[in-house]
Every structure is written in structure tokens, then in C-alpha cells.
Amino acid sequence: MTSALDEIKVVDLTRTLAGPFCTMMLGDMGAEVTKIEEPKLGDETRSWTPFWNDEGTQFLTFNRNKRRLSLNLKEQEGIDIILSLVKDADVMISSIRPAALARLSLDPETLRRAYPDLITVSATGFGQDGPYAAKPAFDDSVQSVSGLASLATLRDPGVPPAYAPTILADKLGGVTAAYAVMGALFHRERTGEAQHVEVPMFETLAAFLLIE
């Protein structure tokens, strides 16, 4: 049986959870996902417990259905390999900060000028601009600034703020990014135009909380 995203190729420059959760979903729908990891340590979730056969089960879960490559992006050879993958790809998704991507000439503007059919996706914490753009984003910090941690206090002032007991901001960001990629693929199929998609975890979670 043909899967929904058969023959769709995705280059995955994300790490930890939001981006990998998105590409996990795309891979589950049949996309060919190539995940890029840094040498030696790789994705942080490789070290997250519990382990199965000496590998982090969370890493194995969120990175199933993917081909994985270890590349040093500080060397031109690593950049050249990524560009060779992007040349034939439909989607490139990255969680690397905008300034760092620009230094590598892997920013959406540069790539889409060279490859007009490429859909580019930025899975970030706080977006591409604004006062928090360059700040690292962790799930608990996004839960805090979005207002999620204060929901219990709003209902009962005597209850202190509390985090959701799951990595909610990352997972919701990943689901939203996958949904946005599907929309961008449909738009390209219908109009011939590729798009840049930006999915900040903060804005995603804040929008999710508009109605308590």
C-alpha cells in the first residue's frame, strides 16, 4: 500500500524533541527522512534513560523510520554533503538558530534561491526575530512564559505554578510543524510555489492556551 508521503525526501537538521517529533511523524507517513547529527555525541536524547541495548529508548522512538548521518558542520565537507542532500529534497527542517544557519549558508533565503522547489522549515523556540529569538528554549521555560505553568494558579490563587508532567511544548510544536509541512506540500502541489514555514514552540503553545 502506498503511504501518503512516499517519495517525499526530508533533510532533518533538528535535535532533541520538537523537530525530531515532527520528522518522526513525516517518516511514519512514508517520507524518506535523513537525520543529520553532530559527530561523537549525536542527538542529546541518545543519552536519555531508559535504555534498550545500550541505546536511549526515547531517541529510538522519536527517530524511527529515519536514515542517520554524522556530519561536522564546522567543515566544508559536511556542508557540501548537506547541500547534495538538499538538492534532491522536498523539505529541509532545522532547529539551528538563524544566525548560525546564515553563517553556514544554510539559511532558508539562500537555500530557496538555489532550490526554488525546496520547502524550508524553522522549528525554533521563540521564532526568527524579537527579543527572545537568540535565547535557548527548553520545554519548562516555554511552559512558563506561555502561561501554561500558571493555569492552576488562575483557578486557585493558593496553588503555586506547576509544569505539565510531560514535554508538552516540544511535542505540540512537533505536531504543529508536521501539520504545517503537509500544508506546504499541498500548496506546492497545487500552485508550484514552495514556502518557508516557521513554527516557534512559544507561539504554538500560547495559541493552544487561548481557551483554557
Protein backbone atom coordinates (compact mmCIF):
# COMPACT_ATOMS: atom_id res chain seq x y z
CA MET A 1 0.00 0.00 0.00
CA THR A 2 1.30 3.47 -0.88
CA SER A 3 1.85 5.79 2.08
CA ALA A 4 0.79 9.44 2.00
CA LEU A 5 4.34 10.81 1.75
CA ASP A 6 6.02 8.16 -0.39
CA GLU A 7 8.87 9.66 -2.47
CA ILE A 8 8.93 12.84 -0.33
CA LYS A 9 12.50 13.46 0.84
CA VAL A 10 13.23 15.35 4.07
CA VAL A 11 16.58 16.62 5.36
CA ASP A 12 16.40 16.86 9.15
CA LEU A 13 18.77 19.27 10.91
CA THR A 14 16.93 19.15 14.23
CA ARG A 15 17.78 17.75 17.62
CA THR A 16 16.24 16.86 20.98
CA LEU A 17 12.47 16.72 20.54
CA ALA A 18 10.27 19.25 18.69
CA GLY A 19 11.93 18.84 15.29
CA PRO A 20 12.55 15.09 15.64
CA PHE A 21 8.92 14.62 16.72
CA CYS A 22 7.83 16.37 13.51
CA THR A 23 10.09 14.31 11.25
CA MET A 24 9.09 11.14 13.12
CA MET A 25 5.50 11.81 12.05
CA LEU A 26 6.58 12.55 8.46
CA GLY A 27 8.58 9.31 8.41
CA ASP A 28 5.61 7.41 9.78
CA MET A 29 3.62 8.70 6.78
CA GLY A 30 6.23 7.34 4.36
CA ALA A 31 8.67 10.24 3.87
CA GLU A 32 12.35 9.42 3.40
CA VAL A 33 13.96 11.30 6.30
CA THR A 34 17.72 11.83 6.59
CA LYS A 35 18.66 12.98 10.08
CA ILE A 36 21.95 14.87 10.49
CA GLU A 37 23.77 14.51 13.81
CA GLU A 38 26.98 16.04 15.08
CA PRO A 39 29.97 13.71 15.44
CA LYS A 40 30.74 11.81 18.66
CA LEU A 41 27.79 12.74 20.91
CA GLY A 42 24.99 12.96 18.38
CA ASP A 43 21.48 13.92 19.48
CA GLU A 44 21.13 14.57 23.21
CA THR A 45 18.28 12.10 23.51
CA ARG A 46 20.70 9.25 22.83
CA SER A 47 21.71 9.58 26.49
CA TRP A 48 18.19 9.83 27.93
CA THR A 49 17.06 6.90 30.03
CA PRO A 50 15.67 4.26 29.95
CA PHE A 51 17.97 2.28 27.65
CA TRP A 52 17.41 -0.71 25.42
CA ASN A 53 20.50 -2.50 24.14
CA ASP A 54 22.57 0.47 25.37
CA GLU A 55 20.54 2.99 23.32
CA GLY A 56 18.15 5.60 24.67
CA THR A 57 14.61 4.42 24.04
CA GLN A 58 13.34 7.98 23.62
CA PHE A 59 15.92 8.58 20.89
CA LEU A 60 14.90 5.34 19.19
CA THR A 61 11.22 6.30 19.40
CA PHE A 62 11.49 9.85 18.06
CA ASN A 63 13.98 8.92 15.35
CA ARG A 64 12.40 5.79 13.95
CA ASN A 65 11.97 5.49 10.20
CA LYS A 66 14.99 7.73 9.58
CA ARG A 67 18.37 7.36 7.94
CA ARG A 68 21.04 8.94 10.13
CA LEU A 69 24.30 10.65 9.13
CA SER A 70 27.02 12.11 11.34
CA LEU A 71 28.44 15.32 9.82
CA ASN A 72 30.74 18.02 11.13
CA LEU A 73 29.13 21.31 10.09
CA LYS A 74 32.32 23.17 11.01
CA GLU A 75 33.98 21.63 7.95
CA GLN A 76 33.11 22.43 4.35
CA GLU A 77 32.83 18.75 3.52
CA GLY A 78 29.91 18.44 5.93
CA ILE A 79 28.17 21.45 4.38
CA ASP A 80 28.73 20.07 0.88
CA ILE A 81 27.12 16.75 1.82
CA ILE A 82 24.08 18.56 3.22
CA LEU A 83 23.78 20.61 0.03
CA SER A 84 23.93 17.44 -2.05
CA LEU A 85 21.03 16.06 0.01
CA VAL A 86 19.06 19.31 -0.15
CA LYS A 87 19.43 19.43 -3.92
CA ASP A 88 17.16 16.40 -4.27
CA ALA A 89 14.97 17.05 -1.20
CA ASP A 90 11.44 18.32 -0.88
CA VAL A 91 11.75 19.62 2.68
CA MET A 92 14.57 20.81 4.92
CA ILE A 93 13.74 21.32 8.59
CA SER A 94 16.16 22.88 11.05
CA SER A 95 16.25 23.84 14.71
CA ILE A 96 19.60 25.60 14.37
CA ARG A 97 19.45 29.27 15.35
CA PRO A 98 19.01 31.68 12.42
CA ALA A 99 22.39 33.42 12.76
CA ALA A 100 24.24 30.10 12.82
CA LEU A 101 22.36 28.86 9.76
CA ALA A 102 23.24 32.05 7.89
CA ARG A 103 26.94 31.59 8.71
CA LEU A 104 26.75 28.11 7.20
CA SER A 105 24.87 29.43 4.10
CA LEU A 106 22.06 27.03 5.01
CA ASP A 107 19.52 29.72 5.85
CA PRO A 108 16.10 29.48 4.16
CA GLU A 109 16.65 32.52 1.93
CA THR A 110 19.92 31.21 0.50
CA LEU A 111 18.65 27.66 0.01
CA ARG A 112 15.37 28.64 -1.61
CA ARG A 113 17.16 30.93 -4.08
CA ALA A 114 19.29 27.96 -5.15
CA TYR A 115 16.48 25.39 -4.93
CA PRO A 116 13.13 27.10 -5.64
CA ASP A 117 11.12 23.90 -5.08
CA LEU A 118 12.52 23.35 -1.56
CA ILE A 119 10.19 23.81 1.41
CA THR A 120 12.18 25.12 4.37
CA VAL A 121 11.05 24.78 7.96
CA SER A 122 12.34 26.52 11.10
CA ALA A 123 11.42 24.65 14.28
CA THR A 124 12.56 27.13 16.92
CA GLY A 125 11.81 28.07 20.49
CA PHE A 126 10.95 31.76 20.09
CA GLY A 127 10.95 32.44 16.35
CA GLN A 128 13.34 34.21 13.99
CA ASP A 129 13.15 37.70 15.48
CA GLY A 130 12.13 39.52 18.64
CA PRO A 131 13.92 39.87 21.99
CA TYR A 132 13.95 36.11 22.72
CA ALA A 133 14.95 34.92 19.25
CA ALA A 134 18.53 34.04 20.19
CA LYS A 135 17.67 32.50 23.55
CA PRO A 136 17.75 28.74 24.08
CA ALA A 137 14.31 27.22 24.60
CA PHE A 138 13.62 24.37 26.97
CA ASP A 139 10.23 22.78 27.45
CA ASP A 140 9.81 24.07 31.01
CA SER A 141 10.83 27.62 30.09
CA VAL A 142 8.32 27.66 27.23
CA GLN A 143 5.61 26.27 29.52
CA SER A 144 6.42 29.12 31.91
CA VAL A 145 6.48 32.11 29.53
CA SER A 146 3.46 30.86 27.57
CA GLY A 147 1.36 30.86 30.74
CA LEU A 148 0.79 27.11 30.93
CA ALA A 149 2.51 26.77 34.30
CA SER A 150 0.21 29.41 35.82
CA LEU A 151 -3.10 27.81 34.83
CA ALA A 152 -3.58 26.13 38.18
CA THR A 153 -2.88 29.44 39.96
CA LEU A 154 -5.50 31.24 37.84
CA ARG A 155 -8.15 28.82 39.04
CA ASP A 156 -6.94 28.78 42.66
CA PRO A 157 -4.58 31.58 43.83
CA GLY A 158 -3.44 29.35 46.67
CA VAL A 159 -1.93 26.81 44.27
CA PRO A 160 1.63 27.51 43.04
CA PRO A 161 2.53 27.40 39.32
CA ALA A 162 3.30 23.92 38.05
CA TYR A 163 4.67 22.39 34.87
CA ALA A 164 2.76 19.78 32.91
CA PRO A 165 4.29 16.38 33.70
CA THR A 166 5.28 15.80 30.08
CA ILE A 167 7.37 17.54 27.42
CA LEU A 168 4.28 19.28 26.11
CA ALA A 169 5.73 22.33 24.32
CA ASP A 170 8.15 20.23 22.28
CA LYS A 171 5.62 17.59 21.31
CA LEU A 172 2.93 20.12 20.43
CA GLY A 173 5.49 22.08 18.41
CA GLY A 174 6.43 18.91 16.55
CA VAL A 175 2.81 18.03 15.75
CA THR A 176 2.16 21.59 14.55
CA ALA A 177 5.29 21.54 12.38
CA ALA A 178 4.25 18.26 10.75
CA TYR A 179 0.79 19.72 10.08
CA ALA A 180 2.42 22.83 8.55
CA VAL A 181 4.73 20.75 6.35
CA MET A 182 1.74 18.82 4.99
CA GLY A 183 0.04 22.12 4.20
CA ALA A 184 3.16 23.45 2.45
CA LEU A 185 3.46 20.26 0.38
CA PHE A 186 -0.18 20.57 -0.68
CA HIS A 187 0.32 24.26 -1.53
CA ARG A 188 3.36 23.42 -3.68
CA GLU A 189 1.44 20.64 -5.44
CA ARG A 190 -1.45 22.98 -6.18
CA THR A 191 0.45 26.17 -7.10
CA GLY A 192 4.04 25.13 -7.83
CA GLU A 193 5.26 27.50 -5.12
CA ALA A 194 7.48 26.35 -2.26
CA GLN A 195 7.15 28.10 1.08
CA HIS A 196 9.14 28.82 4.22
CA VAL A 197 7.40 27.57 7.36
CA GLU A 198 8.22 28.85 10.85
CA VAL A 199 6.93 27.01 13.92
CA PRO A 200 8.06 28.53 17.27
CA MET A 201 7.24 26.42 20.31
CA PHE A 202 6.32 29.52 22.32
CA GLU A 203 3.73 30.82 19.85
CA THR A 204 2.36 27.33 19.28
CA LEU A 205 1.79 26.72 22.99
CA ALA A 206 0.47 30.23 23.63
CA ALA A 207 -2.09 29.79 20.82
CA PHE A 208 -3.02 26.39 22.23
CA LEU A 209 -3.84 28.09 25.55
CA LEU A 210 -6.17 30.77 24.15
CA ILE A 211 -9.09 28.79 25.56
CA GLU A 212 -8.41 27.15 28.92
